[in-house]
């Protein structure tokens, strides 16, 4: 499924995305704001492994963010389980050459609409590390509200830091 938005598109991951994906993802600042499963350095083999996993994604929906035909980043909806099954976690990253243009806010709005309308979810949430003010602004502009500060909840880059929990409800 391809989702057309003003100035960008969300589309499925393709094998030919490996090189541009690895080039953009191999950025310390991208890694610094992701979970540790996101490697650094980010090599071509990591991109191939990621793309292969998307061939059988289960319930998760992951999209490439495409701007003027170029891969700019990725975003996804990862459903929660058990009593939280009406909700999902959203995650995203954008390559540095595409920062500062409002693209991630548009992509997150489109992803959220997809999650509510197509996946029939009721709640979306995202965790953000305390130093990632840009991501907090993206979430707020996309209609997410800060629900909590999870004190000393993340150990990343040699530091124990707070994380913020943001959420958006359907409707």
N, C-alpha and C. Protein backbone atom coordinates (compact mmCIF):
# COMPACT_ATOMS: atom_id res chain seq x y z
N UNK A 1 0.84 -1.19 0.00
CA UNK A 1 0.00 0.00 0.00
C UNK A 1 0.89 1.24 0.00
N UNK A 2 0.55 2.17 -0.85
CA UNK A 2 1.27 3.44 -0.94
C UNK A 2 0.34 4.54 -0.44
N UNK A 3 0.85 5.39 0.42
CA UNK A 3 0.07 6.49 0.98
C UNK A 3 0.67 7.79 0.46
N UNK A 4 -0.07 8.50 -0.35
CA UNK A 4 0.38 9.78 -0.91
C UNK A 4 0.01 10.91 0.02
N UNK A 5 0.98 11.71 0.37
CA UNK A 5 0.78 12.87 1.23
C UNK A 5 1.38 14.07 0.53
N UNK A 6 1.04 15.26 0.98
CA UNK A 6 1.59 16.47 0.38
C UNK A 6 3.11 16.50 0.56
N UNK A 7 3.85 16.41 -0.54
CA UNK A 7 5.31 16.52 -0.51
C UNK A 7 6.06 15.25 -0.20
N UNK A 8 5.33 14.14 0.04
CA UNK A 8 6.01 12.87 0.32
C UNK A 8 5.04 11.72 0.15
N UNK A 9 5.59 10.51 0.20
CA UNK A 9 4.78 9.30 0.16
C UNK A 9 5.31 8.31 1.18
N UNK A 10 4.42 7.49 1.70
CA UNK A 10 4.78 6.34 2.53
C UNK A 10 4.53 5.12 1.67
N UNK A 11 5.54 4.28 1.53
CA UNK A 11 5.39 3.11 0.68
C UNK A 11 6.11 1.91 1.29
N UNK A 12 5.78 0.71 0.83
CA UNK A 12 6.46 -0.48 1.35
C UNK A 12 7.96 -0.44 1.05
N UNK A 13 8.71 -1.15 1.86
CA UNK A 13 10.15 -1.28 1.69
C UNK A 13 10.40 -2.21 0.50
N UNK A 14 11.41 -1.87 -0.32
CA UNK A 14 11.78 -2.68 -1.49
C UNK A 14 13.25 -3.06 -1.41
N UNK A 15 13.64 -4.16 -2.05
CA UNK A 15 15.05 -4.58 -2.02
C UNK A 15 16.02 -3.49 -2.49
N UNK A 16 15.63 -2.71 -3.47
CA UNK A 16 16.53 -1.68 -3.99
C UNK A 16 16.70 -0.50 -3.03
N UNK A 17 16.01 -0.52 -1.91
CA UNK A 17 16.16 0.53 -0.89
C UNK A 17 17.41 0.33 -0.03
N UNK A 18 18.06 -0.82 -0.14
CA UNK A 18 19.15 -1.15 0.79
C UNK A 18 20.25 -0.11 0.80
N UNK A 19 20.79 0.27 -0.34
CA UNK A 19 21.91 1.23 -0.33
C UNK A 19 21.53 2.59 0.23
N UNK A 20 20.46 3.23 -0.29
CA UNK A 20 20.13 4.54 0.30
C UNK A 20 19.74 4.44 1.77
N UNK A 21 19.11 3.34 2.15
CA UNK A 21 18.74 3.14 3.54
C UNK A 21 19.99 3.10 4.42
N UNK A 22 20.97 2.31 4.01
CA UNK A 22 22.21 2.19 4.79
C UNK A 22 22.95 3.52 4.85
N UNK A 23 22.98 4.27 3.75
CA UNK A 23 23.68 5.55 3.72
C UNK A 23 23.06 6.54 4.71
N UNK A 24 21.73 6.64 4.71
CA UNK A 24 21.07 7.59 5.61
C UNK A 24 21.09 7.12 7.07
N UNK A 25 20.93 5.82 7.27
CA UNK A 25 20.84 5.28 8.63
C UNK A 25 22.20 5.24 9.33
N UNK A 26 23.27 5.28 8.56
CA UNK A 26 24.61 5.23 9.15
C UNK A 26 25.02 6.62 9.63
N UNK A 27 24.28 7.09 10.60
CA UNK A 27 24.45 8.43 11.16
C UNK A 27 24.34 8.30 12.67
N UNK A 28 25.35 8.74 13.37
CA UNK A 28 25.35 8.59 14.83
C UNK A 28 24.14 9.25 15.47
N UNK A 29 23.70 10.38 14.95
CA UNK A 29 22.55 11.06 15.54
C UNK A 29 21.26 10.28 15.33
N UNK A 30 21.13 9.59 14.21
CA UNK A 30 19.96 8.72 14.02
C UNK A 30 20.02 7.61 15.07
N UNK A 31 21.16 6.92 15.14
CA UNK A 31 21.33 5.83 16.11
C UNK A 31 21.08 6.30 17.54
N UNK A 32 21.54 7.47 17.88
CA UNK A 32 21.45 7.98 19.25
C UNK A 32 20.00 8.13 19.72
N UNK A 33 19.08 8.25 18.78
CA UNK A 33 17.68 8.44 19.12
C UNK A 33 16.82 7.20 18.86
N UNK A 34 17.48 6.08 18.60
CA UNK A 34 16.78 4.83 18.33
C UNK A 34 17.11 3.82 19.43
N UNK A 35 16.36 2.75 19.46
CA UNK A 35 16.67 1.66 20.39
C UNK A 35 17.96 0.98 19.95
N UNK A 36 18.56 0.23 20.86
CA UNK A 36 19.84 -0.40 20.58
C UNK A 36 19.78 -1.46 19.48
N UNK A 37 18.61 -1.97 19.14
CA UNK A 37 18.50 -2.93 18.03
C UNK A 37 18.87 -2.28 16.70
N UNK A 38 18.85 -0.96 16.64
CA UNK A 38 19.25 -0.20 15.46
C UNK A 38 20.76 -0.03 15.54
N UNK A 39 21.52 -0.71 14.67
CA UNK A 39 22.99 -0.74 14.84
C UNK A 39 23.70 0.54 14.42
N UNK A 40 24.90 0.68 14.97
CA UNK A 40 25.81 1.74 14.52
C UNK A 40 27.23 1.21 14.64
N UNK A 41 28.02 1.24 13.59
CA UNK A 41 27.64 1.78 12.28
C UNK A 41 26.56 0.93 11.62
N UNK A 42 25.76 1.57 10.77
CA UNK A 42 24.69 0.90 10.04
C UNK A 42 25.24 0.53 8.67
N UNK A 43 25.42 -0.75 8.44
CA UNK A 43 26.06 -1.24 7.23
C UNK A 43 25.02 -1.73 6.22
N UNK A 44 25.46 -1.93 5.00
CA UNK A 44 24.59 -2.42 3.94
C UNK A 44 23.96 -3.75 4.35
N UNK A 45 24.71 -4.60 5.01
CA UNK A 45 24.17 -5.90 5.43
C UNK A 45 23.02 -5.71 6.42
N UNK A 46 23.08 -4.67 7.26
CA UNK A 46 21.97 -4.38 8.17
C UNK A 46 20.72 -3.98 7.39
N UNK A 47 20.90 -3.18 6.36
CA UNK A 47 19.76 -2.77 5.52
C UNK A 47 19.14 -3.98 4.84
N UNK A 48 19.95 -4.88 4.31
CA UNK A 48 19.42 -6.09 3.67
C UNK A 48 18.65 -6.94 4.69
N UNK A 49 19.16 -7.07 5.90
CA UNK A 49 18.48 -7.84 6.94
C UNK A 49 17.14 -7.20 7.30
N UNK A 50 17.13 -5.88 7.44
CA UNK A 50 15.89 -5.15 7.75
C UNK A 50 14.86 -5.37 6.65
N UNK A 51 15.28 -5.23 5.40
CA UNK A 51 14.36 -5.39 4.28
C UNK A 51 13.82 -6.82 4.23
N UNK A 52 14.67 -7.80 4.48
CA UNK A 52 14.23 -9.19 4.48
C UNK A 52 13.17 -9.43 5.57
N UNK A 53 13.33 -8.81 6.72
CA UNK A 53 12.35 -8.96 7.80
C UNK A 53 11.00 -8.37 7.41
N UNK A 54 10.99 -7.36 6.55
CA UNK A 54 9.74 -6.73 6.17
C UNK A 54 8.92 -7.59 5.21
N UNK A 55 9.55 -8.60 4.62
CA UNK A 55 8.82 -9.50 3.71
C UNK A 55 7.77 -10.30 4.48
N UNK A 56 8.00 -10.55 5.76
CA UNK A 56 7.04 -11.24 6.62
C UNK A 56 6.94 -10.46 7.94
N UNK A 57 6.33 -9.28 7.91
CA UNK A 57 6.38 -8.40 9.07
C UNK A 57 5.45 -8.76 10.22
N UNK A 58 4.57 -9.76 10.04
CA UNK A 58 3.60 -10.01 11.10
C UNK A 58 2.58 -8.89 11.13
N UNK A 59 2.27 -8.39 12.31
CA UNK A 59 1.26 -7.34 12.43
C UNK A 59 1.81 -5.93 12.23
N UNK A 60 3.12 -5.78 12.31
CA UNK A 60 3.72 -4.45 12.17
C UNK A 60 3.60 -3.97 10.72
N UNK A 61 3.49 -2.68 10.57
CA UNK A 61 3.46 -2.06 9.25
C UNK A 61 4.58 -1.04 9.21
N UNK A 62 5.54 -1.27 8.33
CA UNK A 62 6.69 -0.38 8.20
C UNK A 62 6.69 0.19 6.79
N UNK A 63 6.94 1.49 6.72
CA UNK A 63 6.95 2.21 5.45
C UNK A 63 8.25 2.97 5.26
N UNK A 64 8.67 3.09 4.03
CA UNK A 64 9.73 4.01 3.65
C UNK A 64 9.09 5.37 3.48
N UNK A 65 9.78 6.40 3.91
CA UNK A 65 9.35 7.78 3.64
C UNK A 65 10.09 8.19 2.37
N UNK A 66 9.33 8.54 1.35
CA UNK A 66 9.91 8.87 0.04
C UNK A 66 9.61 10.35 -0.28
N UNK A 67 10.64 11.08 -0.65
CA UNK A 67 10.50 12.50 -0.98
C UNK A 67 11.08 12.70 -2.37
N UNK A 68 10.27 13.16 -3.31
CA UNK A 68 10.72 13.38 -4.69
C UNK A 68 11.44 12.15 -5.25
N UNK A 69 10.88 10.97 -4.98
CA UNK A 69 11.45 9.73 -5.48
C UNK A 69 12.64 9.19 -4.71
N UNK A 70 13.10 9.92 -3.69
CA UNK A 70 14.27 9.50 -2.92
C UNK A 70 13.84 8.99 -1.54
N UNK A 71 14.52 7.96 -1.06
CA UNK A 71 14.29 7.46 0.28
C UNK A 71 14.79 8.50 1.28
N UNK A 72 13.93 8.87 2.22
CA UNK A 72 14.28 9.89 3.20
C UNK A 72 14.34 9.35 4.62
N UNK A 73 13.73 8.20 4.87
CA UNK A 73 13.68 7.63 6.20
C UNK A 73 12.68 6.51 6.25
N UNK A 74 12.21 6.19 7.45
CA UNK A 74 11.24 5.11 7.61
C UNK A 74 10.37 5.39 8.82
N UNK A 75 9.19 4.77 8.82
CA UNK A 75 8.28 4.89 9.95
C UNK A 75 7.45 3.61 10.03
N UNK A 76 6.94 3.33 11.21
CA UNK A 76 6.18 2.10 11.35
C UNK A 76 5.23 2.12 12.53
N UNK A 77 4.27 1.22 12.45
CA UNK A 77 3.28 0.99 13.49
C UNK A 77 3.50 -0.43 13.99
N UNK A 78 3.72 -0.57 15.29
CA UNK A 78 4.02 -1.87 15.89
C UNK A 78 2.96 -2.16 16.95
N UNK A 79 1.96 -2.99 16.60
CA UNK A 79 0.86 -3.26 17.54
C UNK A 79 1.35 -3.86 18.86
N UNK A 80 0.66 -3.47 19.90
CA UNK A 80 0.91 -4.02 21.22
C UNK A 80 0.08 -5.29 21.39
N UNK A 81 0.27 -6.01 22.48
CA UNK A 81 -0.38 -7.31 22.65
C UNK A 81 -1.20 -7.35 23.93
N UNK A 82 -1.93 -8.45 24.07
CA UNK A 82 -2.69 -8.78 25.26
C UNK A 82 -3.73 -7.68 25.51
N UNK A 83 -3.83 -7.17 26.72
CA UNK A 83 -4.84 -6.18 27.03
C UNK A 83 -4.58 -4.84 26.35
N UNK A 84 -3.41 -4.68 25.75
CA UNK A 84 -3.04 -3.44 25.05
C UNK A 84 -3.25 -3.56 23.54
N UNK A 85 -3.95 -4.60 23.09
CA UNK A 85 -4.04 -4.94 21.67
C UNK A 85 -4.76 -3.89 20.81
N UNK A 86 -5.43 -2.94 21.39
CA UNK A 86 -6.08 -1.87 20.61
C UNK A 86 -5.14 -0.70 20.41
N UNK A 87 -3.90 -0.86 20.83
CA UNK A 87 -2.91 0.19 20.70
C UNK A 87 -1.67 -0.29 19.98
N UNK A 88 -0.81 0.67 19.67
CA UNK A 88 0.44 0.35 18.98
C UNK A 88 1.47 1.42 19.31
N UNK A 89 2.72 1.03 19.12
CA UNK A 89 3.82 1.98 19.24
C UNK A 89 4.18 2.44 17.84
N UNK A 90 4.42 3.72 17.69
CA UNK A 90 4.92 4.24 16.42
C UNK A 90 6.40 4.56 16.59
N UNK A 91 7.13 4.35 15.52
CA UNK A 91 8.55 4.67 15.51
C UNK A 91 8.89 5.29 14.16
N UNK A 92 9.94 6.10 14.14
CA UNK A 92 10.30 6.78 12.90
C UNK A 92 11.70 7.33 12.99
N UNK A 93 12.29 7.55 11.82
CA UNK A 93 13.55 8.27 11.72
C UNK A 93 13.60 8.91 10.34
N UNK A 94 14.34 9.99 10.25
CA UNK A 94 14.47 10.73 9.01
C UNK A 94 15.94 11.06 8.81
N UNK A 95 16.43 10.84 7.59
CA UNK A 95 17.82 11.15 7.28
C UNK A 95 18.12 12.63 7.40
N UNK A 96 19.32 12.94 7.82
CA UNK A 96 19.73 14.32 8.08
C UNK A 96 19.48 15.29 6.92
N UNK A 97 19.71 14.88 5.64
CA UNK A 97 19.46 15.84 4.55
C UNK A 97 18.01 16.30 4.44
N UNK A 98 17.09 15.60 5.12
CA UNK A 98 15.66 15.91 5.01
C UNK A 98 15.12 16.61 6.25
N UNK A 99 15.98 16.91 7.21
CA UNK A 99 15.55 17.57 8.44
C UNK A 99 15.11 19.01 8.17
N UNK A 100 14.27 19.52 9.06
CA UNK A 100 13.91 20.93 9.05
C UNK A 100 12.92 21.35 7.98
N UNK A 101 12.24 20.41 7.37
CA UNK A 101 11.29 20.74 6.29
C UNK A 101 9.85 20.35 6.63
N UNK A 102 9.62 19.88 7.85
CA UNK A 102 8.27 19.48 8.26
C UNK A 102 7.83 18.14 7.71
N UNK A 103 8.76 17.40 7.12
CA UNK A 103 8.41 16.13 6.48
C UNK A 103 8.00 15.06 7.49
N UNK A 104 8.68 15.00 8.60
CA UNK A 104 8.37 13.95 9.57
C UNK A 104 7.01 14.17 10.18
N UNK A 105 6.63 15.40 10.42
CA UNK A 105 5.30 15.67 10.96
C UNK A 105 4.23 15.20 9.98
N UNK A 106 4.41 15.49 8.69
CA UNK A 106 3.45 15.03 7.67
C UNK A 106 3.41 13.51 7.62
N UNK A 107 4.58 12.88 7.65
CA UNK A 107 4.64 11.42 7.60
C UNK A 107 3.94 10.81 8.81
N UNK A 108 4.17 11.36 10.00
CA UNK A 108 3.56 10.82 11.21
C UNK A 108 2.04 11.03 11.19
N UNK A 109 1.59 12.14 10.69
CA UNK A 109 0.13 12.35 10.56
C UNK A 109 -0.47 11.30 9.64
N UNK A 110 0.18 11.06 8.49
CA UNK A 110 -0.30 10.05 7.55
C UNK A 110 -0.27 8.65 8.14
N UNK A 111 0.81 8.33 8.83
CA UNK A 111 0.94 7.03 9.48
C UNK A 111 -0.14 6.84 10.54
N UNK A 112 -0.42 7.88 11.29
CA UNK A 112 -1.44 7.81 12.34
C UNK A 112 -2.82 7.59 11.75
N UNK A 113 -3.14 8.31 10.69
CA UNK A 113 -4.43 8.12 10.01
C UNK A 113 -4.56 6.69 9.52
N UNK A 114 -3.50 6.17 8.91
CA UNK A 114 -3.50 4.78 8.45
C UNK A 114 -3.75 3.82 9.63
N UNK A 115 -3.07 4.03 10.74
CA UNK A 115 -3.21 3.15 11.90
C UNK A 115 -4.63 3.16 12.45
N UNK A 116 -5.24 4.33 12.50
CA UNK A 116 -6.60 4.43 13.04
C UNK A 116 -7.63 3.91 12.05
N UNK A 117 -7.51 4.25 10.78
CA UNK A 117 -8.54 3.91 9.80
C UNK A 117 -8.38 2.50 9.22
N UNK A 118 -7.18 2.10 8.90
CA UNK A 118 -6.98 0.80 8.26
C UNK A 118 -6.73 -0.31 9.28
N UNK A 119 -5.89 -0.04 10.26
CA UNK A 119 -5.58 -1.05 11.27
C UNK A 119 -6.60 -1.07 12.40
N UNK A 120 -7.49 -0.09 12.44
CA UNK A 120 -8.57 -0.02 13.43
C UNK A 120 -8.07 0.07 14.87
N UNK A 121 -6.96 0.78 15.05
CA UNK A 121 -6.41 0.96 16.39
C UNK A 121 -7.10 2.12 17.09
N UNK A 122 -7.02 2.14 18.41
CA UNK A 122 -7.63 3.18 19.22
C UNK A 122 -6.61 4.12 19.85
N UNK A 123 -5.36 3.65 19.99
CA UNK A 123 -4.34 4.43 20.68
C UNK A 123 -2.99 4.19 20.03
N UNK A 124 -2.24 5.27 19.84
CA UNK A 124 -0.87 5.20 19.35
C UNK A 124 0.02 5.87 20.37
N UNK A 125 1.21 5.31 20.56
CA UNK A 125 2.13 5.91 21.53
C UNK A 125 3.55 5.86 21.00
N UNK A 126 4.37 6.73 21.55
CA UNK A 126 5.78 6.79 21.17
C UNK A 126 6.59 7.22 22.38
N UNK A 127 7.75 6.61 22.52
CA UNK A 127 8.70 7.01 23.55
C UNK A 127 9.80 7.85 22.93
N UNK A 128 10.21 8.89 23.63
CA UNK A 128 11.23 9.81 23.11
C UNK A 128 12.28 10.04 24.20
N UNK A 129 13.54 9.97 23.83
CA UNK A 129 14.62 10.23 24.77
C UNK A 129 14.67 11.71 25.12
N UNK A 130 15.07 12.01 26.34
CA UNK A 130 15.00 13.39 26.86
C UNK A 130 15.75 14.40 26.01
N UNK A 131 16.80 13.99 25.32
CA UNK A 131 17.58 14.95 24.53
C UNK A 131 17.02 15.18 23.13
N UNK A 132 15.95 14.48 22.74
CA UNK A 132 15.43 14.58 21.38
C UNK A 132 14.25 15.57 21.30
N UNK A 133 14.56 16.83 21.47
CA UNK A 133 13.53 17.88 21.44
C UNK A 133 12.84 17.96 20.07
N UNK A 134 13.57 17.71 18.99
CA UNK A 134 12.97 17.78 17.65
C UNK A 134 11.86 16.73 17.50
N UNK A 135 12.09 15.54 18.02
CA UNK A 135 11.06 14.50 17.93
C UNK A 135 9.85 14.84 18.79
N UNK A 136 10.08 15.47 19.92
CA UNK A 136 8.95 15.90 20.75
C UNK A 136 8.09 16.90 20.00
N UNK A 137 8.74 17.83 19.30
CA UNK A 137 7.99 18.82 18.50
C UNK A 137 7.21 18.14 17.38
N UNK A 138 7.83 17.16 16.72
CA UNK A 138 7.14 16.41 15.65
C UNK A 138 5.88 15.77 16.21
N UNK A 139 6.00 15.08 17.32
CA UNK A 139 4.84 14.41 17.91
C UNK A 139 3.75 15.41 18.28
N UNK A 140 4.12 16.52 18.90
CA UNK A 140 3.13 17.52 19.29
C UNK A 140 2.44 18.11 18.07
N UNK A 141 3.19 18.42 17.02
CA UNK A 141 2.60 18.97 15.80
C UNK A 141 1.68 17.96 15.11
N UNK A 142 1.95 16.66 15.32
CA UNK A 142 1.13 15.61 14.72
C UNK A 142 -0.06 15.23 15.60
N UNK A 143 -0.27 15.97 16.68
CA UNK A 143 -1.45 15.75 17.50
C UNK A 143 -1.26 14.81 18.68
N UNK A 144 -0.04 14.47 19.00
CA UNK A 144 0.24 13.62 20.16
C UNK A 144 0.43 14.50 21.39
N UNK A 145 0.06 13.96 22.55
CA UNK A 145 0.21 14.69 23.81
C UNK A 145 1.16 13.93 24.73
N UNK A 146 1.97 14.67 25.46
CA UNK A 146 2.86 14.05 26.44
C UNK A 146 2.01 13.55 27.60
N UNK A 147 2.15 12.26 27.89
CA UNK A 147 1.41 11.67 28.99
C UNK A 147 2.26 11.43 30.23
N UNK A 148 3.55 11.23 30.03
CA UNK A 148 4.38 10.88 31.18
C UNK A 148 5.85 11.16 30.91
N UNK A 149 6.56 11.37 32.00
CA UNK A 149 8.01 11.38 31.99
C UNK A 149 8.43 10.13 32.74
N UNK A 150 9.14 9.25 32.06
CA UNK A 150 9.59 8.01 32.68
C UNK A 150 11.03 8.23 33.13
N UNK A 151 11.17 8.51 34.38
CA UNK A 151 12.47 8.93 34.93
C UNK A 151 13.47 7.79 34.93
N UNK A 152 14.68 8.14 34.47
CA UNK A 152 15.81 7.21 34.43
C UNK A 152 15.42 5.86 33.84
N UNK A 153 14.67 5.88 32.75
CA UNK A 153 14.13 4.66 32.16
C UNK A 153 14.94 4.13 30.99
N UNK A 154 15.90 4.90 30.51
CA UNK A 154 16.66 4.52 29.31
C UNK A 154 18.15 4.63 29.59
N UNK A 155 18.89 3.60 29.19
CA UNK A 155 20.35 3.68 29.22
C UNK A 155 20.81 3.68 27.77
N UNK A 156 21.30 4.81 27.30
CA UNK A 156 21.70 4.97 25.90
C UNK A 156 22.95 5.82 25.83
N UNK A 157 23.85 5.43 24.98
CA UNK A 157 25.07 6.19 24.73
C UNK A 157 25.84 6.47 26.03
N UNK A 158 25.84 5.48 26.92
CA UNK A 158 26.58 5.60 28.18
C UNK A 158 25.91 6.45 29.24
N UNK A 159 24.65 6.83 29.02
CA UNK A 159 23.97 7.69 29.98
C UNK A 159 22.63 7.10 30.40
N UNK A 160 22.26 7.29 31.64
CA UNK A 160 20.94 6.93 32.14
C UNK A 160 20.08 8.19 32.05
N UNK A 161 19.04 8.12 31.23
CA UNK A 161 18.24 9.32 30.95
C UNK A 161 16.75 9.05 31.12
N UNK A 162 16.00 10.14 31.14
CA UNK A 162 14.54 10.07 31.14
C UNK A 162 14.05 9.83 29.71
N UNK A 163 12.84 9.28 29.63
CA UNK A 163 12.16 9.22 28.34
C UNK A 163 10.77 9.79 28.54
N UNK A 164 10.19 10.29 27.47
CA UNK A 164 8.87 10.88 27.49
C UNK A 164 7.93 9.95 26.76
N UNK A 165 6.73 9.77 27.29
CA UNK A 165 5.71 8.97 26.63
C UNK A 165 4.66 9.90 26.04
N UNK A 166 4.51 9.82 24.73
CA UNK A 166 3.51 10.59 24.00
C UNK A 166 2.45 9.65 23.47
N UNK A 167 1.21 10.14 23.36
CA UNK A 167 0.14 9.29 22.84
C UNK A 167 -0.87 10.14 22.06
N UNK A 168 -1.56 9.45 21.16
CA UNK A 168 -2.65 10.04 20.39
C UNK A 168 -3.78 9.03 20.37
N UNK A 169 -4.99 9.52 20.63
CA UNK A 169 -6.17 8.64 20.65
C UNK A 169 -6.99 8.86 19.39
N UNK A 170 -7.65 7.81 18.95
CA UNK A 170 -8.52 7.90 17.77
C UNK A 170 -9.66 8.86 18.06
N UNK A 171 -9.99 9.65 17.03
CA UNK A 171 -11.14 10.52 17.15
C UNK A 171 -10.90 11.85 17.63
